[in-house]
N, C-alpha and C. Protein backbone atom coordinates (compact mmCIF):
# COMPACT_ATOMS: atom_id res chain seq x y z
N MET A 1 26.16 190.05 28.60
CA MET A 1 25.35 190.08 29.77
C MET A 1 26.26 190.46 30.94
N GLY A 2 25.85 191.38 31.76
CA GLY A 2 26.62 191.86 32.87
C GLY A 2 26.29 191.10 34.13
N SER A 3 26.85 191.58 35.20
CA SER A 3 26.62 190.95 36.48
C SER A 3 25.21 191.28 36.98
N LEU A 4 24.82 190.63 37.99
CA LEU A 4 23.50 190.86 38.58
C LEU A 4 23.39 192.31 39.06
N GLN A 5 24.50 192.83 39.57
CA GLN A 5 24.52 194.21 40.06
C GLN A 5 24.24 195.19 38.90
N ASP A 6 24.89 194.96 37.76
CA ASP A 6 24.66 195.82 36.59
C ASP A 6 23.21 195.73 36.12
N GLN A 7 22.65 194.53 36.12
CA GLN A 7 21.27 194.36 35.68
C GLN A 7 20.31 195.09 36.61
N LEU A 8 20.58 195.05 37.95
CA LEU A 8 19.71 195.75 38.89
C LEU A 8 19.81 197.26 38.74
N LEU A 9 21.03 197.76 38.44
CA LEU A 9 21.20 199.18 38.20
C LEU A 9 20.42 199.62 36.95
N LYS A 10 20.46 198.87 35.86
CA LYS A 10 19.74 199.20 34.62
C LYS A 10 18.23 199.17 34.84
N ALA A 11 17.81 198.21 35.67
CA ALA A 11 16.37 198.12 35.89
C ALA A 11 15.88 199.19 36.85
N GLY A 12 16.81 199.89 37.56
CA GLY A 12 16.45 200.94 38.46
C GLY A 12 16.02 200.44 39.83
N LEU A 13 16.32 199.21 40.14
CA LEU A 13 15.94 198.66 41.44
C LEU A 13 16.91 199.03 42.53
N THR A 14 18.12 199.51 42.21
CA THR A 14 19.11 199.92 43.20
C THR A 14 19.88 201.11 42.68
N THR A 15 20.62 201.73 43.58
CA THR A 15 21.44 202.90 43.20
C THR A 15 22.92 202.49 43.21
N SER A 16 23.75 203.36 42.60
CA SER A 16 25.19 203.04 42.56
C SER A 16 25.81 203.11 43.96
N HIS A 17 25.26 203.97 44.83
CA HIS A 17 25.77 204.06 46.20
C HIS A 17 25.53 202.75 46.96
N LYS A 18 24.32 202.23 46.82
CA LYS A 18 23.98 200.98 47.48
C LYS A 18 24.84 199.82 46.92
N ALA A 19 25.18 199.88 45.67
CA ALA A 19 26.01 198.85 45.03
C ALA A 19 27.41 198.88 45.62
N LYS A 20 27.95 200.12 45.78
CA LYS A 20 29.30 200.25 46.37
C LYS A 20 29.32 199.74 47.80
N VAL A 21 28.30 200.07 48.57
CA VAL A 21 28.23 199.62 49.97
C VAL A 21 28.16 198.09 50.03
N ALA A 22 27.39 197.47 49.17
CA ALA A 22 27.25 196.03 49.13
C ALA A 22 28.59 195.38 48.75
N LYS A 23 29.33 196.04 47.82
CA LYS A 23 30.61 195.52 47.40
C LYS A 23 31.61 195.54 48.55
N THR A 24 31.66 196.66 49.30
CA THR A 24 32.59 196.75 50.42
C THR A 24 32.21 195.76 51.52
N GLU A 25 30.92 195.57 51.76
CA GLU A 25 30.47 194.59 52.77
C GLU A 25 30.90 193.18 52.37
N LYS A 26 30.79 192.90 51.09
CA LYS A 26 31.17 191.56 50.62
C LYS A 26 32.69 191.36 50.82
N ARG A 27 33.49 192.40 50.54
CA ARG A 27 34.94 192.33 50.72
C ARG A 27 35.29 192.16 52.20
N LYS A 28 34.59 192.86 53.09
CA LYS A 28 34.83 192.72 54.53
C LYS A 28 34.50 191.30 55.01
N GLN A 29 33.42 190.71 54.49
CA GLN A 29 33.03 189.37 54.88
C GLN A 29 34.11 188.36 54.45
N GLN A 30 34.70 188.58 53.28
CA GLN A 30 35.72 187.67 52.82
C GLN A 30 37.01 187.78 53.63
N LYS A 31 37.28 188.99 54.16
CA LYS A 31 38.50 189.21 54.96
C LYS A 31 38.37 188.69 56.38
N LYS A 32 37.14 188.46 56.85
CA LYS A 32 36.95 187.96 58.21
C LYS A 32 37.66 186.61 58.36
N PRO A 33 38.23 186.37 59.53
CA PRO A 33 38.93 185.08 59.71
C PRO A 33 37.95 183.92 59.77
N LYS A 34 38.48 182.79 59.40
CA LYS A 34 37.68 181.56 59.41
C LYS A 34 37.47 181.11 60.85
N LYS A 35 36.56 180.16 61.02
CA LYS A 35 36.35 179.61 62.34
C LYS A 35 37.62 178.91 62.79
N GLY A 36 37.96 179.01 64.10
CA GLY A 36 39.17 178.37 64.63
C GLY A 36 40.35 179.30 64.61
N ALA A 37 40.31 180.37 63.84
CA ALA A 37 41.43 181.31 63.85
C ALA A 37 41.23 182.21 65.07
N THR A 38 42.35 182.57 65.68
CA THR A 38 42.26 183.38 66.91
C THR A 38 42.41 184.83 66.58
N SER A 39 41.33 185.54 66.67
CA SER A 39 41.39 186.97 66.49
C SER A 39 41.23 187.70 67.81
N ASN A 40 40.88 186.92 68.83
CA ASN A 40 40.70 187.50 70.17
C ASN A 40 42.07 187.81 70.75
N PRO A 41 42.31 189.01 71.22
CA PRO A 41 43.62 189.35 71.76
C PRO A 41 44.01 188.51 73.00
N SER A 42 43.05 188.10 73.78
CA SER A 42 43.38 187.28 74.96
C SER A 42 43.89 185.91 74.53
N ASP A 43 43.31 185.34 73.47
CA ASP A 43 43.79 184.06 72.97
C ASP A 43 45.21 184.19 72.45
N LEU A 44 45.47 185.29 71.77
CA LEU A 44 46.81 185.53 71.25
C LEU A 44 47.82 185.68 72.39
N GLN A 45 47.44 186.36 73.43
CA GLN A 45 48.33 186.51 74.60
C GLN A 45 48.61 185.17 75.26
N LYS A 46 47.58 184.35 75.38
CA LYS A 46 47.75 183.02 75.97
C LYS A 46 48.72 182.18 75.13
N HIS A 47 48.57 182.26 73.82
CA HIS A 47 49.45 181.49 72.92
C HIS A 47 50.90 181.98 73.07
N ILE A 48 51.08 183.29 73.10
CA ILE A 48 52.44 183.84 73.25
C ILE A 48 53.05 183.42 74.58
N GLN A 49 52.24 183.46 75.63
CA GLN A 49 52.74 183.08 76.96
C GLN A 49 53.11 181.59 76.99
N GLN A 50 52.32 180.77 76.34
CA GLN A 50 52.59 179.34 76.31
C GLN A 50 53.89 179.05 75.56
N THR A 51 54.10 179.71 74.44
CA THR A 51 55.35 179.49 73.69
C THR A 51 56.56 179.98 74.49
N LYS A 52 56.38 181.09 75.23
CA LYS A 52 57.50 181.57 76.07
C LYS A 52 57.84 180.55 77.14
N LEU A 53 56.82 179.95 77.78
CA LEU A 53 57.07 178.92 78.81
C LEU A 53 57.80 177.73 78.22
N GLU A 54 57.38 177.31 77.02
CA GLU A 54 58.04 176.17 76.37
C GLU A 54 59.51 176.48 76.07
N GLN A 55 59.75 177.69 75.58
CA GLN A 55 61.14 178.09 75.30
C GLN A 55 61.95 178.16 76.57
N GLN A 56 61.34 178.63 77.65
CA GLN A 56 62.05 178.71 78.92
C GLN A 56 62.40 177.34 79.44
N LYS A 57 61.48 176.39 79.33
CA LYS A 57 61.75 175.01 79.77
C LYS A 57 62.88 174.40 78.96
N LYS A 58 62.85 174.63 77.67
CA LYS A 58 63.90 174.08 76.80
C LYS A 58 65.25 174.69 77.17
N ALA A 59 65.28 175.99 77.45
CA ALA A 59 66.53 176.64 77.83
C ALA A 59 67.04 176.11 79.17
N GLU A 60 66.14 175.85 80.11
CA GLU A 60 66.57 175.30 81.40
C GLU A 60 67.14 173.90 81.24
N GLU A 61 66.54 173.08 80.39
CA GLU A 61 67.07 171.73 80.15
C GLU A 61 68.45 171.79 79.53
N LEU A 62 68.65 172.69 78.55
CA LEU A 62 69.96 172.85 77.95
C LEU A 62 70.99 173.31 79.00
N ASN A 63 70.57 174.22 79.84
CA ASN A 63 71.48 174.73 80.86
C ASN A 63 71.87 173.63 81.83
N GLN A 64 70.92 172.80 82.24
CA GLN A 64 71.23 171.70 83.13
C GLN A 64 72.19 170.70 82.48
N ALA A 65 72.00 170.44 81.20
CA ALA A 65 72.90 169.52 80.50
C ALA A 65 74.31 170.12 80.44
N ARG A 66 74.40 171.42 80.21
CA ARG A 66 75.73 172.07 80.19
C ARG A 66 76.38 172.04 81.55
N GLN A 67 75.59 172.27 82.60
CA GLN A 67 76.13 172.23 83.94
C GLN A 67 76.66 170.84 84.29
N ALA A 68 75.91 169.81 83.90
CA ALA A 68 76.36 168.42 84.15
C ALA A 68 77.65 168.13 83.42
N GLU A 69 77.75 168.56 82.17
CA GLU A 69 78.96 168.34 81.39
C GLU A 69 80.15 169.09 82.00
N LEU A 70 79.89 170.31 82.45
CA LEU A 70 80.94 171.10 83.09
C LEU A 70 81.42 170.44 84.38
N LYS A 71 80.47 169.92 85.16
CA LYS A 71 80.84 169.23 86.41
C LYS A 71 81.67 167.98 86.13
N GLN A 72 81.30 167.24 85.08
CA GLN A 72 82.06 166.04 84.72
C GLN A 72 83.48 166.43 84.29
N ARG A 73 83.62 167.48 83.53
CA ARG A 73 84.95 167.95 83.10
C ARG A 73 85.80 168.35 84.32
N GLU A 74 85.16 169.03 85.28
CA GLU A 74 85.86 169.43 86.49
C GLU A 74 86.34 168.21 87.27
N GLN A 75 85.49 167.19 87.35
CA GLN A 75 85.89 165.96 88.07
C GLN A 75 87.08 165.30 87.38
N ILE A 76 87.03 165.21 86.07
CA ILE A 76 88.12 164.58 85.33
C ILE A 76 89.41 165.38 85.53
N ALA A 77 89.30 166.70 85.50
CA ALA A 77 90.50 167.54 85.69
C ALA A 77 91.05 167.37 87.10
N ARG A 78 90.17 167.27 88.10
CA ARG A 78 90.61 167.09 89.48
C ARG A 78 91.31 165.74 89.64
N VAL A 79 90.70 164.67 89.09
CA VAL A 79 91.30 163.35 89.17
C VAL A 79 92.67 163.32 88.45
N LYS A 80 92.71 163.95 87.28
CA LYS A 80 93.96 163.97 86.54
C LYS A 80 95.06 164.70 87.33
N GLN A 81 94.70 165.80 87.96
CA GLN A 81 95.67 166.52 88.76
C GLN A 81 96.19 165.67 89.93
N ILE A 82 95.27 164.99 90.62
CA ILE A 82 95.66 164.15 91.74
C ILE A 82 96.57 163.00 91.26
N LEU A 83 96.18 162.37 90.16
CA LEU A 83 96.95 161.23 89.65
C LEU A 83 98.35 161.65 89.24
N GLU A 84 98.46 162.77 88.50
CA GLU A 84 99.76 163.19 88.02
C GLU A 84 100.65 163.69 89.17
N HIS A 85 100.05 164.30 90.14
CA HIS A 85 100.85 164.85 91.27
C HIS A 85 101.33 163.77 92.21
N HIS A 86 100.51 162.74 92.47
CA HIS A 86 100.85 161.72 93.45
C HIS A 86 101.32 160.39 92.86
N ASN A 87 101.59 160.36 91.57
CA ASN A 87 102.03 159.13 90.92
C ASN A 87 103.41 158.73 91.47
N GLN A 88 103.55 157.45 91.78
CA GLN A 88 104.81 156.90 92.28
C GLN A 88 105.69 156.51 91.09
N ASP A 89 106.82 157.19 90.97
CA ASP A 89 107.71 156.92 89.84
C ASP A 89 108.76 155.85 90.16
N SER A 90 109.05 155.66 91.43
CA SER A 90 110.10 154.73 91.82
C SER A 90 109.56 153.33 92.09
N ILE A 91 108.61 152.89 91.30
CA ILE A 91 108.01 151.58 91.52
C ILE A 91 108.56 150.54 90.56
N ARG A 92 109.26 150.93 89.57
CA ARG A 92 109.73 150.01 88.55
C ARG A 92 110.69 149.00 89.13
N GLY A 93 110.55 147.75 88.66
CA GLY A 93 111.43 146.70 89.13
C GLY A 93 111.30 145.48 88.25
N GLU A 94 111.83 144.38 88.78
CA GLU A 94 111.89 143.14 87.98
C GLU A 94 110.70 142.23 88.24
N ARG A 95 109.89 142.51 89.24
CA ARG A 95 108.75 141.66 89.52
C ARG A 95 107.52 142.12 88.73
N THR A 96 106.63 141.15 88.47
CA THR A 96 105.40 141.47 87.74
C THR A 96 104.23 141.40 88.69
N PHE A 97 103.44 142.48 88.70
CA PHE A 97 102.23 142.51 89.52
C PHE A 97 101.04 142.42 88.58
N ASN A 98 100.20 141.41 88.77
CA ASN A 98 99.05 141.17 87.92
C ASN A 98 97.78 141.70 88.60
N PHE A 99 96.92 142.32 87.79
CA PHE A 99 95.62 142.79 88.26
C PHE A 99 94.66 142.76 87.09
N THR A 100 93.37 142.81 87.39
CA THR A 100 92.38 142.77 86.31
C THR A 100 91.83 144.16 86.06
N TYR A 101 91.65 144.45 84.77
CA TYR A 101 91.08 145.72 84.33
C TYR A 101 90.21 145.44 83.12
N GLU A 102 88.92 145.73 83.24
CA GLU A 102 87.93 145.47 82.17
C GLU A 102 87.97 144.01 81.74
N ASN A 103 87.93 143.13 82.71
CA ASN A 103 87.91 141.67 82.50
C ASN A 103 89.13 141.16 81.77
N LYS A 104 90.24 141.86 81.84
CA LYS A 104 91.49 141.42 81.25
C LYS A 104 92.58 141.51 82.32
N VAL A 105 93.51 140.60 82.29
CA VAL A 105 94.60 140.60 83.23
C VAL A 105 95.70 141.53 82.69
N LYS A 106 96.04 142.52 83.50
CA LYS A 106 97.09 143.47 83.12
C LYS A 106 98.30 143.23 84.00
N GLU A 107 99.47 143.60 83.49
CA GLU A 107 100.71 143.42 84.24
C GLU A 107 101.36 144.78 84.46
N LEU A 108 102.04 144.85 85.62
CA LEU A 108 102.78 146.05 85.94
C LEU A 108 104.11 145.61 86.56
N ASP A 109 105.21 146.06 85.98
CA ASP A 109 106.52 145.69 86.49
C ASP A 109 106.86 146.59 87.67
N VAL A 110 107.02 145.94 88.85
CA VAL A 110 107.25 146.69 90.08
C VAL A 110 108.42 146.05 90.84
N ASN A 111 108.89 146.78 91.85
CA ASN A 111 109.93 146.21 92.71
C ASN A 111 109.26 145.49 93.89
N GLU A 112 110.05 144.84 94.71
CA GLU A 112 109.50 144.01 95.81
C GLU A 112 108.75 144.87 96.83
N LYS A 113 109.28 146.02 97.16
CA LYS A 113 108.66 146.91 98.13
C LYS A 113 107.27 147.37 97.64
N THR A 114 107.18 147.72 96.38
CA THR A 114 105.91 148.16 95.81
C THR A 114 104.92 147.02 95.76
N GLN A 115 105.39 145.83 95.44
CA GLN A 115 104.50 144.67 95.39
C GLN A 115 103.86 144.41 96.76
N LYS A 116 104.68 144.48 97.82
CA LYS A 116 104.15 144.26 99.17
C LYS A 116 103.20 145.40 99.55
N ALA A 117 103.50 146.61 99.16
CA ALA A 117 102.65 147.74 99.49
C ALA A 117 101.30 147.63 98.76
N LEU A 118 101.32 147.17 97.52
CA LEU A 118 100.06 146.98 96.78
C LEU A 118 99.23 145.86 97.42
N ALA A 119 99.88 144.79 97.79
CA ALA A 119 99.16 143.68 98.41
C ALA A 119 98.64 144.04 99.80
N GLY A 120 99.35 144.92 100.49
CA GLY A 120 98.95 145.32 101.83
C GLY A 120 97.95 146.45 101.87
N GLY A 121 97.66 147.08 100.76
CA GLY A 121 96.69 148.15 100.71
C GLY A 121 97.26 149.54 100.95
N ARG A 122 98.59 149.66 101.00
CA ARG A 122 99.20 150.99 101.19
C ARG A 122 99.30 151.73 99.87
N LEU A 123 99.24 151.00 98.76
CA LEU A 123 99.26 151.62 97.43
C LEU A 123 98.03 151.14 96.66
N ALA A 124 97.65 151.93 95.63
CA ALA A 124 96.51 151.58 94.79
C ALA A 124 96.87 151.88 93.35
N ILE A 125 96.21 151.15 92.45
CA ILE A 125 96.40 151.37 91.02
C ILE A 125 95.14 152.05 90.49
N CYS A 126 95.35 153.18 89.80
CA CYS A 126 94.26 153.94 89.23
C CYS A 126 94.49 154.06 87.72
N VAL A 127 93.40 154.34 86.98
CA VAL A 127 93.51 154.48 85.55
C VAL A 127 92.79 155.75 85.10
N LEU A 128 93.39 156.42 84.13
CA LEU A 128 92.75 157.57 83.49
C LEU A 128 93.23 157.60 82.06
N GLU A 129 92.27 157.58 81.14
CA GLU A 129 92.55 157.65 79.71
C GLU A 129 93.52 156.54 79.26
N GLY A 130 93.33 155.33 79.82
CA GLY A 130 94.13 154.19 79.41
C GLY A 130 95.51 154.10 80.02
N GLN A 131 95.86 155.04 80.88
CA GLN A 131 97.18 155.07 81.50
C GLN A 131 97.02 154.71 82.98
N PHE A 132 97.92 153.85 83.49
CA PHE A 132 97.84 153.40 84.86
C PHE A 132 98.77 154.23 85.75
N PHE A 133 98.26 154.52 86.95
CA PHE A 133 99.00 155.30 87.93
C PHE A 133 99.02 154.52 89.23
N VAL A 134 100.15 154.58 89.95
CA VAL A 134 100.24 153.96 91.27
C VAL A 134 100.27 155.06 92.29
N LEU A 135 99.29 155.06 93.20
CA LEU A 135 99.15 156.10 94.21
C LEU A 135 99.21 155.53 95.61
N GLU A 136 99.52 156.38 96.55
CA GLU A 136 99.43 155.98 97.95
C GLU A 136 97.97 155.91 98.35
N ASP A 137 97.72 155.40 99.54
CA ASP A 137 96.36 155.14 100.01
C ASP A 137 95.52 156.42 100.09
N GLU A 138 96.04 157.48 100.67
CA GLU A 138 95.27 158.71 100.90
C GLU A 138 94.85 159.39 99.57
N PRO A 139 95.76 159.63 98.62
CA PRO A 139 95.31 160.21 97.35
C PRO A 139 94.33 159.29 96.60
N ALA A 140 94.53 157.97 96.74
CA ALA A 140 93.61 157.03 96.09
C ALA A 140 92.21 157.17 96.68
N ARG A 141 92.10 157.41 97.97
CA ARG A 141 90.79 157.62 98.59
C ARG A 141 90.16 158.92 98.11
N LYS A 142 90.97 159.95 97.87
CA LYS A 142 90.44 161.22 97.31
C LYS A 142 89.88 161.00 95.92
N VAL A 143 90.59 160.19 95.12
CA VAL A 143 90.12 159.86 93.78
C VAL A 143 88.81 159.08 93.87
N ALA A 144 88.74 158.15 94.81
CA ALA A 144 87.54 157.34 94.98
C ALA A 144 86.37 158.21 95.42
N GLU A 145 86.60 159.29 96.15
CA GLU A 145 85.53 160.19 96.56
C GLU A 145 84.90 160.85 95.33
N VAL A 146 85.74 161.17 94.35
CA VAL A 146 85.22 161.78 93.13
C VAL A 146 84.42 160.75 92.35
N ASP A 147 85.04 159.61 92.05
CA ASP A 147 84.35 158.54 91.36
C ASP A 147 85.14 157.24 91.50
N GLU A 148 84.43 156.17 91.83
CA GLU A 148 85.07 154.86 92.05
C GLU A 148 85.60 154.24 90.75
N LYS A 149 85.13 154.68 89.61
CA LYS A 149 85.53 154.03 88.35
C LYS A 149 87.02 154.22 88.02
N TYR A 150 87.66 155.20 88.65
CA TYR A 150 89.08 155.43 88.37
C TYR A 150 89.98 154.47 89.14
N ILE A 151 89.48 153.85 90.20
CA ILE A 151 90.27 152.92 90.99
C ILE A 151 90.20 151.55 90.34
N VAL A 152 91.36 151.02 89.97
CA VAL A 152 91.41 149.70 89.34
C VAL A 152 91.70 148.63 90.36
N PHE A 153 92.66 148.88 91.24
CA PHE A 153 93.07 147.91 92.22
C PHE A 153 93.43 148.62 93.51
N HIS A 154 92.71 148.26 94.56
CA HIS A 154 93.04 148.81 95.88
C HIS A 154 92.55 147.82 96.92
N VAL A 155 93.47 147.31 97.70
CA VAL A 155 93.13 146.36 98.75
C VAL A 155 92.85 147.15 100.01
N GLU A 156 91.69 146.91 100.59
CA GLU A 156 91.34 147.56 101.84
C GLU A 156 92.14 146.86 102.94
N PRO A 157 92.93 147.61 103.70
CA PRO A 157 93.69 146.98 104.78
C PRO A 157 92.73 146.45 105.84
N GLU A 158 92.96 145.22 106.23
CA GLU A 158 92.09 144.59 107.22
C GLU A 158 92.62 144.86 108.62
N ASP A 159 91.75 145.28 109.49
CA ASP A 159 92.13 145.45 110.87
C ASP A 159 91.88 144.13 111.55
N LYS A 160 92.92 143.32 111.61
CA LYS A 160 92.77 141.97 112.19
C LYS A 160 92.93 142.05 113.69
N GLY A 161 91.80 141.91 114.32
CA GLY A 161 91.84 141.83 115.77
C GLY A 161 92.13 140.36 116.13
N LYS A 162 92.91 140.15 117.15
CA LYS A 162 93.23 138.77 117.50
C LYS A 162 92.03 138.12 118.16
N ASP A 163 91.72 136.96 117.63
CA ASP A 163 90.58 136.20 118.15
C ASP A 163 91.05 135.48 119.42
N ALA A 164 90.32 135.60 120.47
CA ALA A 164 90.71 135.02 121.76
C ALA A 164 90.67 133.49 121.72
N ASP A 165 89.81 132.93 120.86
CA ASP A 165 89.66 131.47 120.81
C ASP A 165 90.55 130.82 119.76
N ASP A 166 91.36 131.62 119.05
CA ASP A 166 92.20 131.08 117.99
C ASP A 166 93.39 130.39 118.59
N PRO A 167 93.51 129.03 118.38
CA PRO A 167 94.65 128.32 118.97
C PRO A 167 95.97 128.66 118.25
N TYR A 168 95.90 129.19 117.02
CA TYR A 168 97.11 129.48 116.25
C TYR A 168 97.44 130.97 116.26
N ALA A 169 96.91 131.72 117.19
CA ALA A 169 97.13 133.15 117.24
C ALA A 169 98.59 133.50 117.47
N ASP A 170 99.32 132.68 118.16
CA ASP A 170 100.72 132.97 118.45
C ASP A 170 101.65 132.64 117.29
N PHE A 171 101.14 131.95 116.28
CA PHE A 171 101.97 131.55 115.14
C PHE A 171 101.68 132.47 113.96
N GLU A 172 102.71 133.12 113.45
CA GLU A 172 102.55 134.01 112.32
C GLU A 172 102.68 133.24 111.01
N VAL A 173 101.86 133.55 110.04
CA VAL A 173 101.90 132.88 108.76
C VAL A 173 102.99 133.52 107.92
N PRO A 174 103.94 132.72 107.40
CA PRO A 174 105.02 133.31 106.60
C PRO A 174 104.50 133.84 105.27
N ASP A 175 105.02 134.99 104.87
CA ASP A 175 104.61 135.60 103.62
C ASP A 175 105.83 135.75 102.70
N ASP A 176 106.60 134.66 102.57
CA ASP A 176 107.78 134.76 101.77
C ASP A 176 107.63 134.03 100.42
N LEU A 177 106.45 133.62 100.12
CA LEU A 177 106.24 132.97 98.83
C LEU A 177 106.05 133.99 97.74
N VAL A 178 106.74 133.84 96.66
CA VAL A 178 106.61 134.76 95.52
C VAL A 178 105.89 133.98 94.42
N TRP A 179 104.82 134.54 93.95
CA TRP A 179 104.03 133.88 92.91
C TRP A 179 104.49 134.29 91.55
């Protein structure tokens, strides 16, 4: 037994030309896209435009992250240059200067002049990559402008104005005690 088309041809109810046309129409119907598929060119353009925007946003985010990383590297390089150029090498001595770093007490062997300068705010202790540097006040302020996290110890010099009502203003407090 043949197909319905063959049976209709044998019975003489249709012609072979009409059969071919029906066959091609059936094939065209099967090739048509399903519902929800975008065959409209404007929909396709919208989809392409949307993906381009998403890619552009992603590229901008990556670029901003790279710029931030580059800026951080530049800051570290600038701080490193300042620290290495202005490091005080003649500070070594027999006295121990204690300071805190990351909630731990650290020691630095210094001479008497350096100890007084550190306590008076003329010198500062900075850290970079686990290494401590002793800088004068001005370079330490430049480092602090870049980022405060590099400054470990820096005493701000106090501008002590004499109080008019202070009865002990004429008496200087001795600073000869060594701890």
